[in-house]
Amino acid sequence: MSITINYEKCCWKDGKCTSCSCGGACVGCAEACPVGAITRKELVEIDNSKCVNCGACVNACKHDALSLA
């Protein structure tokens, strides 16, 4: 199992939050990750060498853009 990102649903695009529902300050997946495997650059990225597949980011994403598959 691993975390996958649906970039169509993800509010982080072009290096910024594009969602009104986040108030322009995307807080969720990266902050929830206990091992720091998620970063926000131009897009949200997951470092699979750090990810422990705990699902904390999946639960924290308000847009259902992350899934554990």
Protein backbone atom coordinates (compact mmCIF):
# COMPACT_ATOMS: atom_id res chain seq x y z
CA MET A 1 0.00 0.00 0.00
CA SER A 2 1.10 3.55 -0.63
CA ILE A 3 -0.29 7.07 -0.57
CA THR A 4 -1.46 8.41 -3.90
CA ILE A 5 -2.36 11.97 -4.81
CA ASN A 6 -5.24 12.99 -7.06
CA TYR A 7 -3.89 16.29 -8.35
CA GLU A 8 -7.25 17.26 -9.83
CA LYS A 9 -8.74 17.33 -6.31
CA CYS A 10 -5.67 18.75 -4.56
CA CYS A 11 -5.94 22.45 -3.71
CA TRP A 12 -2.14 23.01 -3.90
CA LYS A 13 -1.25 24.09 -7.43
CA ASP A 14 1.52 26.28 -8.84
CA GLY A 15 3.14 26.63 -5.42
CA LYS A 16 0.08 27.97 -3.60
CA CYS A 17 -3.30 27.03 -2.19
CA THR A 18 -6.05 27.65 -4.74
CA SER A 19 -9.05 26.81 -2.56
CA CYS A 20 -11.42 29.19 -0.84
CA SER A 21 -12.40 26.44 1.60
CA CYS A 22 -8.87 26.46 3.03
CA GLY A 23 -8.92 30.23 3.31
CA GLY A 24 -5.84 30.36 1.10
CA ALA A 25 -3.70 28.73 3.80
CA CYS A 26 -3.67 25.04 3.02
CA VAL A 27 -3.17 23.24 6.33
CA GLY A 28 -3.62 19.54 6.42
CA CYS A 29 -1.68 16.77 4.78
CA ALA A 30 1.89 18.04 5.20
CA GLU A 31 1.30 19.13 8.79
CA ALA A 32 -0.34 15.81 9.68
CA CYS A 33 2.55 13.68 8.43
CA PRO A 34 4.45 12.41 11.49
CA VAL A 35 7.63 11.67 9.52
CA GLY A 36 7.85 14.77 7.29
CA ALA A 37 7.36 12.82 4.06
CA ILE A 38 5.10 15.45 2.45
CA THR A 39 6.33 18.74 1.03
CA ARG A 40 4.64 21.49 -0.94
CA LYS A 41 6.60 22.76 -3.90
CA GLU A 42 4.89 23.51 -7.20
CA LEU A 43 2.70 20.51 -6.29
CA VAL A 44 2.34 18.36 -3.18
CA GLU A 45 5.06 15.70 -3.19
CA ILE A 46 5.46 12.54 -1.14
CA ASP A 47 8.91 11.17 -0.35
CA ASN A 48 8.18 7.44 -0.48
CA SER A 49 11.48 6.65 1.21
CA LYS A 50 10.19 8.43 4.35
CA CYS A 51 6.47 7.60 4.15
CA VAL A 52 5.29 4.93 6.61
CA ASN A 53 1.80 4.68 5.05
CA CYS A 54 0.07 5.57 8.31
CA GLY A 55 -2.76 7.43 6.55
CA ALA A 56 -2.58 10.56 8.73
CA CYS A 57 -2.35 12.73 5.62
CA VAL A 58 -5.35 10.99 4.04
CA ASN A 59 -7.47 11.80 7.11
CA ALA A 60 -6.22 15.40 7.21
CA CYS A 61 -6.88 16.27 3.54
CA LYS A 62 -10.08 18.31 3.33
CA HIS A 63 -10.39 17.69 -0.41
CA ASP A 64 -10.09 13.90 -0.45
CA ALA A 65 -7.09 14.27 -2.74
CA LEU A 66 -5.02 11.64 -0.94
CA SER A 67 -5.74 7.96 -0.68
CA LEU A 68 -4.08 4.85 0.66
CA ALA A 69 -4.09 2.26 -2.10
